N, C-alpha and C. Protein backbone atom coordinates (compact mmCIF):
# COMPACT_ATOMS: atom_id res chain seq x y z
N MET A 1 2.63 97.44 82.74
CA MET A 1 3.77 96.22 82.13
C MET A 1 3.09 96.61 80.73
N GLU A 2 1.92 96.17 80.15
CA GLU A 2 1.40 96.25 79.09
C GLU A 2 1.81 98.08 78.31
N SER A 3 1.77 98.88 78.70
CA SER A 3 2.00 100.01 78.68
C SER A 3 3.77 100.33 78.01
N ALA A 4 4.52 99.66 78.93
CA ALA A 4 6.01 99.84 78.57
C ALA A 4 6.08 98.88 77.38
N SER A 5 5.86 98.07 77.09
CA SER A 5 5.94 97.28 75.91
C SER A 5 5.13 98.19 74.51
N SER A 6 4.45 98.59 74.47
CA SER A 6 3.28 99.62 73.45
C SER A 6 4.55 100.84 73.34
N THR A 7 5.20 101.03 74.45
CA THR A 7 5.94 102.46 73.90
C THR A 7 7.11 101.91 73.38
N THR A 8 7.64 100.61 73.31
CA THR A 8 8.84 100.39 72.42
C THR A 8 8.74 99.71 71.17
N ASN A 9 7.68 99.43 70.69
CA ASN A 9 6.81 99.23 69.72
C ASN A 9 7.02 99.99 68.47
N LEU A 10 8.09 100.10 67.51
CA LEU A 10 8.32 100.99 66.73
C LEU A 10 7.34 100.54 65.70
N LYS A 11 6.85 99.31 65.44
CA LYS A 11 6.00 99.15 63.96
C LYS A 11 4.75 100.33 64.12
N VAL A 12 4.40 100.56 62.89
CA VAL A 12 3.22 101.42 62.55
C VAL A 12 2.23 100.57 61.80
N ALA A 13 0.97 101.40 62.02
CA ALA A 13 -0.24 100.60 61.64
C ALA A 13 -0.04 100.88 59.83
N VAL A 14 -0.50 100.03 59.24
CA VAL A 14 -0.58 100.40 57.42
C VAL A 14 -1.86 100.61 56.96
N ASN A 15 -1.91 102.20 56.79
CA ASN A 15 -3.01 102.95 56.21
C ASN A 15 -2.53 103.86 55.53
N ASN A 16 -3.44 104.93 54.86
CA ASN A 16 -2.65 105.72 53.94
C ASN A 16 -2.02 106.42 54.72
N ARG A 17 -2.78 107.07 56.01
CA ARG A 17 -2.28 108.10 56.57
C ARG A 17 -0.85 108.11 57.57
N GLN A 18 -0.73 106.89 58.04
CA GLN A 18 0.53 106.46 58.55
C GLN A 18 1.78 106.56 57.39
N ILE A 19 1.24 105.89 55.97
CA ILE A 19 2.12 106.20 55.25
C ILE A 19 2.69 107.81 54.63
N LEU A 20 1.59 108.34 54.73
CA LEU A 20 1.73 109.68 54.17
C LEU A 20 2.79 110.56 55.50
N SER A 21 2.35 110.20 56.98
CA SER A 21 2.99 110.89 57.51
C SER A 21 4.90 110.39 57.94
N ILE A 22 4.88 109.36 57.18
CA ILE A 22 6.55 109.15 57.03
C ILE A 22 6.73 109.75 55.62
N ALA A 23 6.15 109.33 54.67
CA ALA A 23 6.24 109.65 53.35
C ALA A 23 6.43 111.41 53.28
N LEU A 24 5.68 112.25 53.57
CA LEU A 24 5.65 113.36 53.28
C LEU A 24 6.61 114.31 53.61
N PRO A 25 7.25 114.03 55.11
CA PRO A 25 8.72 114.84 55.22
C PRO A 25 9.74 114.31 54.40
N ILE A 26 9.83 113.05 54.04
CA ILE A 26 11.04 112.92 52.91
C ILE A 26 10.88 113.40 52.11
N THR A 27 9.56 113.28 51.07
CA THR A 27 9.37 114.12 49.76
C THR A 27 9.81 115.44 50.29
N LEU A 28 9.16 116.33 50.92
CA LEU A 28 9.79 117.53 51.10
C LEU A 28 10.89 118.20 51.32
N ALA A 29 11.66 117.17 52.06
CA ALA A 29 12.97 117.16 52.30
C ALA A 29 13.80 117.08 50.86
N ILE A 30 13.11 116.54 49.94
CA ILE A 30 13.76 116.44 48.41
C ILE A 30 13.54 117.65 47.68
N LEU A 31 12.26 118.02 47.90
CA LEU A 31 11.65 118.81 46.91
C LEU A 31 12.13 120.26 47.46
N ILE A 32 12.08 120.63 48.74
CA ILE A 32 12.95 122.01 49.12
C ILE A 32 14.17 122.39 48.51
N PRO A 33 15.22 121.79 48.52
CA PRO A 33 16.52 122.20 47.65
C PRO A 33 16.09 122.41 46.08
N GLN A 34 15.37 121.67 45.35
CA GLN A 34 14.72 122.05 44.08
C GLN A 34 14.27 122.77 44.23
N ILE A 35 13.39 123.67 44.86
CA ILE A 35 12.88 124.93 44.76
C ILE A 35 13.52 126.09 44.55
N ASN A 36 14.26 126.08 46.09
CA ASN A 36 15.46 126.57 45.73
C ASN A 36 16.43 126.55 44.90
N MET A 37 17.09 125.90 44.44
CA MET A 37 17.68 125.91 43.11
C MET A 37 17.44 126.44 42.08
N LEU A 38 15.56 126.28 41.62
CA LEU A 38 14.75 127.12 40.62
C LEU A 38 14.77 128.52 40.85
N THR A 39 14.44 128.58 42.53
CA THR A 39 14.45 130.07 42.68
C THR A 39 15.77 131.10 42.32
N ASN A 40 16.96 130.26 42.54
CA ASN A 40 18.06 131.00 42.40
C ASN A 40 18.53 131.21 40.76
N SER A 41 17.82 129.92 40.44
CA SER A 41 17.97 130.50 39.12
C SER A 41 17.51 131.50 38.26
N ILE A 42 16.29 131.63 38.98
CA ILE A 42 15.51 132.69 37.90
C ILE A 42 16.12 134.03 38.34
N PHE A 43 16.05 134.24 39.93
CA PHE A 43 16.75 135.53 40.26
C PHE A 43 18.30 135.80 39.61
N LEU A 44 18.90 134.66 39.65
CA LEU A 44 20.57 135.06 38.81
C LEU A 44 20.32 135.11 37.38
N GLY A 45 19.19 134.63 36.58
CA GLY A 45 19.00 134.87 35.08
C GLY A 45 18.41 136.21 35.07
N GLN A 46 17.63 136.72 35.68
CA GLN A 46 17.51 138.07 35.88
C GLN A 46 19.03 139.03 35.81
N LEU A 47 19.70 138.80 36.47
CA LEU A 47 20.95 139.55 37.24
C LEU A 47 21.93 139.41 36.07
N SER A 48 22.48 138.43 35.84
CA SER A 48 22.96 138.25 34.66
C SER A 48 23.58 136.93 34.06
N THR A 49 23.94 136.82 32.78
CA THR A 49 23.94 135.47 32.47
C THR A 49 25.46 134.96 32.88
N GLU A 50 26.01 135.75 33.15
CA GLU A 50 27.59 135.12 33.65
C GLU A 50 26.98 134.55 35.38
N ALA A 51 26.30 135.47 36.02
CA ALA A 51 25.93 134.92 37.61
C ALA A 51 24.88 133.64 37.50
N LEU A 52 23.98 133.08 36.29
CA LEU A 52 23.33 132.12 36.40
C LEU A 52 24.30 131.19 35.84
N GLY A 53 25.28 131.16 34.74
CA GLY A 53 26.32 130.44 34.50
C GLY A 53 27.26 129.66 35.70
N ASN A 54 27.53 130.70 36.32
CA ASN A 54 28.42 130.36 37.78
C ASN A 54 27.73 129.72 38.58
N ALA A 55 26.20 129.95 38.47
CA ALA A 55 25.56 129.11 39.68
C ALA A 55 25.23 127.79 38.79
N GLY A 56 25.14 127.67 37.71
CA GLY A 56 24.81 126.26 37.19
C GLY A 56 25.82 125.31 37.54
N ILE A 57 27.42 125.63 37.09
CA ILE A 57 28.35 125.02 37.13
C ILE A 57 28.71 124.42 38.54
N THR A 58 28.62 125.31 39.35
CA THR A 58 28.75 124.72 40.88
C THR A 58 27.15 124.28 41.40
N GLY A 59 26.22 124.22 40.44
CA GLY A 59 25.03 123.43 41.08
C GLY A 59 25.01 122.12 40.25
N VAL A 60 25.78 121.90 39.57
CA VAL A 60 26.22 120.43 39.08
C VAL A 60 27.02 119.83 39.64
N PHE A 61 28.28 120.55 40.30
CA PHE A 61 29.35 119.90 41.24
C PHE A 61 28.34 119.47 42.50
N TYR A 62 27.73 120.48 42.82
CA TYR A 62 27.17 119.99 44.13
C TYR A 62 26.03 118.92 44.39
N LEU A 63 25.50 119.09 43.01
CA LEU A 63 24.26 118.12 42.98
C LEU A 63 24.80 116.36 42.76
N ILE A 64 26.18 116.40 42.15
CA ILE A 64 26.96 114.88 42.37
C ILE A 64 26.70 114.64 43.72
N PHE A 65 27.24 115.38 44.96
CA PHE A 65 27.31 115.02 45.98
C PHE A 65 25.95 114.70 46.90
N ALA A 66 24.65 115.87 46.46
CA ALA A 66 23.61 115.68 46.79
C ALA A 66 23.21 114.09 46.58
N VAL A 67 22.85 113.68 45.43
CA VAL A 67 22.19 112.55 44.91
C VAL A 67 23.17 111.52 45.27
N ALA A 68 24.40 111.48 45.60
CA ALA A 68 25.44 110.24 46.48
C ALA A 68 24.66 110.22 48.17
N GLY A 69 24.39 111.69 48.52
CA GLY A 69 24.00 111.28 49.65
C GLY A 69 22.75 111.05 50.06
N ASN A 70 21.60 111.53 49.15
CA ASN A 70 20.47 110.48 48.91
C ASN A 70 20.26 109.52 48.77
N GLY A 71 21.28 108.81 48.18
CA GLY A 71 21.40 107.15 48.13
C GLY A 71 21.78 106.57 49.28
N LEU A 72 22.77 107.18 50.33
CA LEU A 72 23.32 106.95 51.10
C LEU A 72 22.03 107.01 52.33
N ASN A 73 21.48 108.16 52.05
CA ASN A 73 19.89 108.45 52.92
C ASN A 73 18.84 107.07 52.72
N ASN A 74 18.58 106.89 51.48
CA ASN A 74 17.99 105.80 51.36
C ASN A 74 18.30 104.29 52.00
N ALA A 75 19.41 104.27 51.63
CA ALA A 75 20.14 103.04 52.49
C ALA A 75 19.86 102.95 53.74
N LEU A 76 20.18 103.86 54.35
CA LEU A 76 20.14 104.13 55.91
C LEU A 76 18.76 103.99 56.08
N GLN A 77 18.04 104.64 55.20
CA GLN A 77 15.98 104.29 56.00
C GLN A 77 16.04 103.04 55.66
N THR A 78 16.27 102.28 55.13
CA THR A 78 16.24 100.87 54.36
C THR A 78 16.55 99.99 55.66
N VAL A 79 17.90 100.22 56.34
CA VAL A 79 18.10 99.60 57.28
C VAL A 79 17.70 99.81 58.67
N PHE A 80 17.35 101.07 58.64
CA PHE A 80 16.75 101.67 60.04
C PHE A 80 14.96 100.90 60.13
N SER A 81 13.88 100.81 58.84
CA SER A 81 13.21 100.42 58.80
C SER A 81 13.16 98.73 59.16
N ARG A 82 13.94 98.21 58.58
CA ARG A 82 14.11 96.85 58.94
C ARG A 82 14.33 96.55 60.80
N ASN A 83 15.19 97.47 61.24
CA ASN A 83 15.52 96.86 62.49
C ASN A 83 14.10 97.67 63.41
N ALA A 84 13.75 98.29 62.88
CA ALA A 84 12.78 99.03 63.60
C ALA A 84 11.56 98.10 63.77
N GLY A 85 11.11 97.51 62.47
CA GLY A 85 10.11 96.59 62.43
C GLY A 85 10.55 95.33 63.00
N SER A 86 11.52 94.84 63.30
CA SER A 86 12.22 93.51 64.42
C SER A 86 11.76 93.66 65.55
N GLY A 87 11.52 94.99 66.03
CA GLY A 87 10.50 94.75 67.74
C GLY A 87 11.79 94.83 68.63
N ASN A 88 13.17 95.57 68.03
CA ASN A 88 14.20 95.16 68.92
C ASN A 88 14.64 96.62 68.96
N PRO A 89 14.12 97.40 70.19
CA PRO A 89 14.43 98.99 70.13
C PRO A 89 16.14 99.22 70.43
N GLU A 90 16.74 98.31 70.86
CA GLU A 90 17.84 98.71 71.31
C GLU A 90 18.79 98.45 70.36
N ASN A 91 18.60 97.56 69.33
CA ASN A 91 19.16 97.20 68.26
C ASN A 91 19.25 98.37 67.16
N PHE A 92 17.93 99.19 67.42
CA PHE A 92 17.47 99.83 66.36
C PHE A 92 18.23 101.21 67.23
N LYS A 93 18.44 101.63 68.41
CA LYS A 93 18.97 102.84 69.07
C LYS A 93 20.61 102.91 68.20
N ILE A 94 21.25 101.58 68.13
CA ILE A 94 22.38 101.12 67.93
C ILE A 94 22.49 101.54 66.32
N ILE A 95 22.11 101.00 65.38
CA ILE A 95 21.87 101.10 64.40
C ILE A 95 21.59 102.81 63.82
N LEU A 96 20.55 103.12 64.33
CA LEU A 96 20.46 104.87 64.48
C LEU A 96 21.69 105.38 64.54
N THR A 97 22.12 105.70 65.56
CA THR A 97 23.20 106.15 65.86
C THR A 97 24.82 106.02 65.26
N GLN A 98 24.95 104.55 64.51
CA GLN A 98 25.86 104.21 63.65
C GLN A 98 25.33 104.92 62.15
N GLY A 99 24.00 105.11 61.92
CA GLY A 99 23.83 105.65 60.47
C GLY A 99 23.85 107.11 60.70
N ILE A 100 23.93 108.08 61.83
CA ILE A 100 23.83 109.05 61.61
C ILE A 100 25.41 109.44 61.77
N ARG A 101 26.20 108.52 62.40
CA ARG A 101 27.75 108.86 62.34
C ARG A 101 28.29 108.77 61.15
N ILE A 102 27.64 107.58 60.31
CA ILE A 102 27.98 107.19 58.69
C ILE A 102 28.12 108.62 57.88
N GLY A 103 26.62 109.12 58.07
CA GLY A 103 25.98 110.24 57.04
C GLY A 103 26.74 111.47 57.28
N LEU A 104 27.35 111.78 58.62
CA LEU A 104 28.24 113.02 58.85
C LEU A 104 29.36 112.58 58.47
N GLN A 105 29.97 111.45 58.60
CA GLN A 105 31.44 111.13 57.99
C GLN A 105 31.58 111.31 56.43
N PHE A 106 30.54 111.03 56.08
CA PHE A 106 30.01 111.14 54.75
C PHE A 106 30.27 112.31 54.03
N ALA A 107 29.40 113.48 54.88
CA ALA A 107 29.32 114.71 54.29
C ALA A 107 30.51 115.62 54.55
N ALA A 108 31.53 115.31 56.16
CA ALA A 108 32.67 116.06 56.24
C ALA A 108 33.73 115.16 54.90
N LEU A 109 33.70 114.29 54.71
CA LEU A 109 34.57 113.47 53.65
C LEU A 109 34.47 114.59 52.19
N CYS A 110 33.31 114.43 52.01
CA CYS A 110 32.34 115.57 50.73
C CYS A 110 32.85 117.17 50.82
N ILE A 111 32.57 117.43 51.84
CA ILE A 111 33.33 118.84 52.43
C ILE A 111 34.75 119.02 52.48
N LEU A 112 35.44 118.22 52.91
CA LEU A 112 37.01 117.94 52.41
C LEU A 112 37.53 118.10 51.07
N PHE A 113 36.62 117.12 50.40
CA PHE A 113 36.98 117.14 48.81
C PHE A 113 36.51 117.98 48.43
N THR A 114 35.64 118.91 48.50
CA THR A 114 35.18 120.24 47.88
C THR A 114 36.51 121.35 48.22
N TRP A 115 36.95 121.75 49.32
CA TRP A 115 37.72 122.70 49.82
C TRP A 115 39.01 122.03 49.36
N VAL A 116 39.56 120.73 48.99
CA VAL A 116 40.67 120.36 48.83
C VAL A 116 40.91 120.08 47.05
N ILE A 117 40.25 119.43 46.83
CA ILE A 117 40.25 119.08 45.37
C ILE A 117 39.53 119.62 44.38
N ALA A 118 38.32 120.28 44.69
CA ALA A 118 37.46 120.85 43.62
C ALA A 118 38.04 122.06 43.08
N PRO A 119 38.99 122.78 43.83
CA PRO A 119 39.69 124.41 43.24
C PRO A 119 40.40 123.71 42.14
N PHE A 120 40.97 122.44 41.98
CA PHE A 120 41.97 122.10 40.65
C PHE A 120 40.88 121.76 39.42
N ILE A 121 40.00 120.96 39.84
CA ILE A 121 38.86 120.61 39.00
C ILE A 121 37.79 121.97 38.38
N MET A 122 37.52 122.77 39.27
CA MET A 122 37.03 123.42 38.65
C MET A 122 38.17 124.93 37.97
N LYS A 123 38.67 124.93 38.16
CA LYS A 123 40.12 125.64 37.50
C LYS A 123 39.81 125.39 36.04
N GLU A 124 39.86 124.05 35.87
CA GLU A 124 40.11 123.14 34.37
C GLU A 124 38.54 123.74 33.47
N VAL A 125 37.61 124.08 34.54
CA VAL A 125 36.48 124.43 33.56
C VAL A 125 35.63 125.62 33.60
N ALA A 126 35.98 126.46 34.48
CA ALA A 126 35.09 127.57 35.04
C ALA A 126 36.36 128.45 33.86
N ASP A 127 35.43 129.38 33.84
CA ASP A 127 35.91 130.90 33.15
C ASP A 127 36.99 131.33 33.92
N PRO A 128 38.25 131.86 33.68
CA PRO A 128 39.13 132.40 34.61
C PRO A 128 38.67 133.51 35.73
N ALA A 129 38.23 134.29 34.87
CA ALA A 129 37.30 135.66 35.52
C ALA A 129 36.36 135.11 36.43
N ALA A 130 35.46 134.04 36.33
CA ALA A 130 34.49 133.51 37.07
C ALA A 130 34.72 132.62 38.04
N TYR A 131 36.09 132.06 37.96
CA TYR A 131 36.34 131.24 38.95
C TYR A 131 36.54 131.80 40.65
N PRO A 132 36.79 132.65 40.77
CA PRO A 132 36.84 133.12 42.45
C PRO A 132 35.38 132.96 43.17
N GLN A 133 34.57 133.45 42.08
CA GLN A 133 32.83 133.52 42.21
C GLN A 133 32.84 132.11 42.97
N GLU A 134 33.02 131.44 41.61
CA GLU A 134 32.16 130.18 41.85
C GLU A 134 32.92 129.17 42.96
N MET A 135 34.24 129.30 43.39
CA MET A 135 34.62 128.76 44.47
C MET A 135 34.20 128.92 45.84
N SER A 136 33.94 130.43 45.69
CA SER A 136 33.61 131.02 46.73
C SER A 136 31.88 130.70 47.19
N PHE A 137 31.12 130.46 45.90
CA PHE A 137 30.15 129.88 46.03
C PHE A 137 29.70 128.24 46.60
N LEU A 138 30.69 127.81 45.72
CA LEU A 138 30.48 126.36 46.29
C LEU A 138 31.06 125.76 47.51
N LYS A 139 31.85 126.62 48.05
CA LYS A 139 32.50 126.20 49.12
C LYS A 139 31.12 126.64 50.23
N ILE A 140 30.64 127.80 50.07
CA ILE A 140 29.66 127.98 51.30
C ILE A 140 28.49 127.10 51.19
N ARG A 141 28.49 126.66 49.64
CA ARG A 141 26.87 125.88 49.35
C ARG A 141 27.14 124.40 49.62
N ILE A 142 28.33 123.97 49.79
CA ILE A 142 28.89 122.67 50.32
C ILE A 142 28.70 122.54 52.14
N MET A 143 28.96 123.45 52.48
CA MET A 143 28.89 123.66 53.96
C MET A 143 27.15 123.11 54.43
N GLY A 144 26.04 123.04 53.60
CA GLY A 144 24.99 122.35 53.69
C GLY A 144 24.79 121.14 53.65
N LEU A 145 25.75 120.56 53.17
CA LEU A 145 25.34 118.94 52.93
C LEU A 145 24.87 118.13 54.21
N PRO A 146 25.44 118.18 55.32
CA PRO A 146 25.20 117.44 56.30
C PRO A 146 23.59 117.20 56.72
N PHE A 147 23.09 118.63 56.25
CA PHE A 147 21.74 119.06 56.80
C PHE A 147 20.67 118.38 55.46
């Protein structure tokens, strides 16, 4: 009976190892896209200034959605932590599934916005010669938002 209650206990011990085991994956999830953007900039800068400019314009557009998604992620993690610490695993499962659903709906809405509205926004900002390349790159890149 005691082993069953210990498996449903979602509280963690408060020590440096436990904190790092939770914080490091979150930190890496934020750090890896930044390293990817930096690497892209280095290689595109060697290719041409036009390619670097195209990546920069689409990168700023994508960054708006990424930061909004990061804020939603932080809010959901706060709610998850509060419910996990309350000792009610059934309520935590409900909150977790609702959080995943909200995150996926937000990503789908942002993808739809990018595919439908972004062409009008980017047409005003982008160089007419570079516009097709920028939109192609942005439509591919925004598909990674749910992940």
